[in-house]
């Protein structure tokens, strides 16, 4: 019962996150449009610039909530799934189940452990051999995207402190539009894997 509830919570949250990222992309398109018009001399857009700045500040606070919630739900599901596959097989797996709960947050360990754990879960869980290679490829792509999303997010935080002037802000909004599109793809693939493996 608990596993089903957690699975539904994670699946529902990922849907919300997909919607949030899609809205974030729309906000970025709106922001780019307003800032471009302002740069081109349309001063009537000046009041909207302050709304954009406030929107970005609010977005930053919401992002922290979503990141923490995502990590808690995904790590909990990861731990429960890994513990259940340990019980279901005599095949030696890469880690003890408890490591799955912290695999996304322990520095250095988080660079490879989630990939290996997800691969272990798929190895034991998958009963459809025709989907074996597709599952392995999805897991590999998911983990490469995970690393890239993390690196880009760190890079954008550094670059945000160096933004100067309205042109610099506009360029940064293009970066964020790309980042949101990339992150949306990552979340869609995460949901695909979660649903593929199940409760």
Protein backbone atom coordinates (compact mmCIF):
# COMPACT_ATOMS: atom_id res chain seq x y z
CA UNK A 1 0.00 0.00 0.00
CA UNK A 2 2.77 2.44 1.01
CA UNK A 3 4.72 1.72 -2.18
CA UNK A 4 1.67 2.45 -4.34
CA UNK A 5 1.01 5.75 -2.55
CA UNK A 6 4.66 6.82 -2.94
CA UNK A 7 4.64 5.84 -6.62
CA UNK A 8 1.45 7.86 -7.21
CA UNK A 9 2.89 10.83 -5.30
CA UNK A 10 6.10 10.74 -7.33
CA UNK A 11 4.26 10.27 -10.63
CA UNK A 12 1.83 13.10 -9.81
CA UNK A 13 4.62 15.38 -8.68
CA UNK A 14 6.56 14.73 -11.89
CA UNK A 15 3.45 15.73 -13.86
CA UNK A 16 3.22 18.97 -11.85
CA UNK A 17 6.94 19.56 -12.44
CA UNK A 18 6.46 19.06 -16.19
CA UNK A 19 3.68 21.67 -16.15
CA UNK A 20 5.82 24.04 -14.06
CA UNK A 21 8.78 23.77 -16.44
CA UNK A 22 6.48 24.30 -19.45
CA UNK A 23 5.12 27.46 -17.77
CA UNK A 24 8.71 28.51 -17.05
CA UNK A 25 9.50 28.25 -20.74
CA UNK A 26 6.44 30.36 -21.62
CA UNK A 27 7.52 32.95 -19.03
CA UNK A 28 10.99 33.03 -20.59
CA UNK A 29 9.50 33.59 -24.08
CA UNK A 30 7.37 36.42 -22.66
CA UNK A 31 10.39 37.91 -20.87
CA UNK A 32 12.55 37.76 -24.02
CA UNK A 33 9.77 39.43 -26.01
CA UNK A 34 9.34 42.30 -23.51
CA UNK A 35 13.08 42.89 -23.03
CA UNK A 36 13.70 42.83 -26.80
CA UNK A 37 10.96 45.41 -27.35
CA UNK A 38 12.44 47.60 -24.59
CA UNK A 39 15.94 47.38 -26.13
CA UNK A 40 14.44 48.33 -29.51
CA UNK A 41 13.07 51.55 -28.01
CA UNK A 42 9.57 50.64 -26.85
CA UNK A 43 9.69 52.38 -23.43
CA UNK A 44 6.03 51.50 -22.73
CA UNK A 45 7.29 48.03 -21.75
CA UNK A 46 9.31 49.45 -18.81
CA UNK A 47 6.61 48.66 -16.15
CA UNK A 48 6.52 45.05 -17.35
CA UNK A 49 10.27 44.71 -16.70
CA UNK A 50 9.69 45.10 -12.95
CA UNK A 51 7.04 42.34 -13.11
CA UNK A 52 9.55 40.11 -14.90
CA UNK A 53 12.17 40.69 -12.19
CA UNK A 54 9.62 39.91 -9.46
CA UNK A 55 8.54 36.81 -11.39
CA UNK A 56 12.14 35.58 -11.56
CA UNK A 57 12.61 36.15 -7.80
CA UNK A 58 9.43 34.16 -7.08
CA UNK A 59 10.53 31.46 -9.53
CA UNK A 60 13.85 31.08 -7.66
CA UNK A 61 12.03 30.46 -4.36
CA UNK A 62 9.62 27.97 -5.98
CA UNK A 63 12.56 26.19 -7.63
CA UNK A 64 14.08 25.39 -4.22
CA UNK A 65 10.80 23.85 -3.06
CA UNK A 66 10.50 21.75 -6.23
CA UNK A 67 14.13 20.58 -6.12
CA UNK A 68 13.91 19.49 -2.46
CA UNK A 69 10.53 17.78 -2.97
CA UNK A 70 11.79 16.04 -6.12
CA UNK A 71 14.88 14.72 -4.32
CA UNK A 72 12.88 13.51 -1.30
CA UNK A 73 10.25 11.68 -3.40
CA UNK A 74 12.71 10.23 -5.92
CA UNK A 75 15.16 9.11 -3.20
CA UNK A 76 12.35 7.48 -1.18
CA UNK A 77 11.05 5.63 -4.25
CA UNK A 78 14.61 4.69 -5.18
CA UNK A 79 15.28 3.23 -1.72
CA UNK A 80 12.02 1.24 -1.60
CA UNK A 81 12.54 -0.15 -5.12
CA UNK A 82 16.17 -1.05 -4.43
CA UNK A 83 15.27 -2.74 -1.15
CA UNK A 84 12.56 -4.78 -2.89
CA UNK A 85 14.89 -5.93 -5.70
CA UNK A 86 17.48 -6.97 -3.10
CA UNK A 87 14.82 -9.19 -1.54
CA UNK A 88 13.70 -10.54 -4.92
CA UNK A 89 17.07 -11.74 -6.22
CA UNK A 90 20.23 -13.58 -5.24
CA UNK A 91 22.21 -11.71 -7.89
CA UNK A 92 24.93 -9.61 -6.22
CA UNK A 93 23.95 -5.95 -6.67
CA UNK A 94 26.23 -2.91 -6.55
CA UNK A 95 25.20 -1.39 -3.19
CA UNK A 96 23.30 -2.02 0.01
CA UNK A 97 19.70 -0.68 -0.13
CA UNK A 98 20.31 2.20 2.33
CA UNK A 99 22.75 3.82 -0.13
CA UNK A 100 19.91 4.30 -2.61
CA UNK A 101 18.22 6.75 -0.22
CA UNK A 102 21.26 9.07 -0.26
CA UNK A 103 22.66 8.35 -3.72
CA UNK A 104 21.58 11.70 -5.18
CA UNK A 105 23.00 13.90 -2.42
CA UNK A 106 26.36 12.42 -1.34
CA UNK A 107 29.09 14.31 -3.25
CA UNK A 108 31.21 12.25 -5.68
CA UNK A 109 29.11 9.15 -4.86
CA UNK A 110 26.21 10.85 -6.66
CA UNK A 111 28.16 10.96 -9.92
CA UNK A 112 27.69 7.25 -10.67
CA UNK A 113 25.72 5.50 -7.90
CA UNK A 114 22.18 6.48 -9.07
CA UNK A 115 22.98 5.15 -12.55
CA UNK A 116 24.24 1.83 -11.16
CA UNK A 117 21.29 1.54 -8.76
CA UNK A 118 18.74 2.30 -11.49
CA UNK A 119 20.48 -0.30 -13.70
CA UNK A 120 20.29 -2.86 -10.87
CA UNK A 121 16.58 -2.16 -10.37
CA UNK A 122 15.95 -2.57 -14.11
CA UNK A 123 18.04 -5.78 -14.25
CA UNK A 124 15.88 -7.46 -11.58
CA UNK A 125 12.55 -5.76 -12.27
CA UNK A 126 12.32 -6.16 -16.05
CA UNK A 127 10.44 -9.28 -17.14
CA UNK A 128 10.05 -8.29 -20.79
CA UNK A 129 13.28 -9.17 -22.60
CA UNK A 130 12.17 -7.34 -25.74
CA UNK A 131 12.31 -4.10 -23.71
CA UNK A 132 15.71 -4.87 -22.15
CA UNK A 133 17.90 -2.80 -24.47
CA UNK A 134 15.39 0.04 -24.63
CA UNK A 135 15.35 0.22 -20.82
CA UNK A 136 19.15 0.19 -20.60
CA UNK A 137 19.40 2.96 -23.21
CA UNK A 138 16.79 5.07 -21.41
CA UNK A 139 18.68 4.69 -18.13
CA UNK A 140 21.97 5.68 -19.77
CA UNK A 141 20.38 8.73 -21.44
CA UNK A 142 18.63 9.67 -18.18
CA UNK A 143 21.89 9.64 -16.26
CA UNK A 144 23.82 11.62 -18.89
CA UNK A 145 21.01 14.21 -18.81
CA UNK A 146 21.16 14.24 -14.98
CA UNK A 147 24.86 15.14 -15.05
CA UNK A 148 24.38 17.76 -17.77
CA UNK A 149 21.40 19.40 -15.97
CA UNK A 150 23.47 19.59 -12.77
CA UNK A 151 26.49 21.12 -14.54
CA UNK A 152 24.39 23.67 -16.46
CA UNK A 153 22.49 24.69 -13.30
CA UNK A 154 25.79 25.33 -11.45
CA UNK A 155 27.17 27.24 -14.45
CA UNK A 156 24.05 29.41 -14.72
CA UNK A 157 24.30 30.32 -11.02
CA UNK A 158 27.87 31.55 -11.59
CA UNK A 159 26.91 33.43 -14.76
CA UNK A 160 23.88 35.04 -13.05
CA UNK A 161 26.24 36.93 -10.73
CA UNK A 162 28.10 38.36 -13.73
CA UNK A 163 25.07 39.65 -15.69
CA UNK A 164 25.39 43.36 -16.46
CA UNK A 165 22.96 45.58 -18.32
CA UNK A 166 19.75 44.86 -20.15
CA UNK A 167 21.53 43.13 -23.08
CA UNK A 168 23.26 40.79 -20.62
CA UNK A 169 19.91 40.07 -18.99
CA UNK A 170 18.36 39.27 -22.39
CA UNK A 171 21.20 36.88 -23.25
CA UNK A 172 20.78 35.19 -19.87
CA UNK A 173 17.04 34.71 -20.51
CA UNK A 174 17.92 32.82 -23.70
CA UNK A 175 20.24 30.60 -21.64
CA UNK A 176 17.42 29.91 -19.21
CA UNK A 177 14.95 29.12 -22.01
CA UNK A 178 17.39 26.49 -23.29
CA UNK A 179 17.96 25.18 -19.76
CA UNK A 180 14.22 24.85 -19.07
CA UNK A 181 13.73 22.96 -22.36
CA UNK A 182 16.61 20.64 -21.46
CA UNK A 183 15.30 20.12 -17.92
CA UNK A 184 11.81 19.41 -19.24
CA UNK A 185 13.25 16.61 -21.39
CA UNK A 186 15.06 15.21 -18.32
CA UNK A 187 11.87 15.22 -16.21
CA UNK A 188 9.86 13.56 -19.01
CA UNK A 189 12.47 10.81 -19.22
CA UNK A 190 12.54 10.44 -15.42
CA UNK A 191 8.76 9.95 -15.42
CA UNK A 192 9.05 7.45 -18.26
CA UNK A 193 11.58 5.40 -16.22
CA UNK A 194 9.52 5.62 -13.01
CA UNK A 195 6.42 4.41 -14.85
CA UNK A 196 8.40 1.74 -16.69
CA UNK A 197 9.67 0.30 -13.39
CA UNK A 198 6.46 0.97 -11.44
CA UNK A 199 5.47 0.89 -7.77
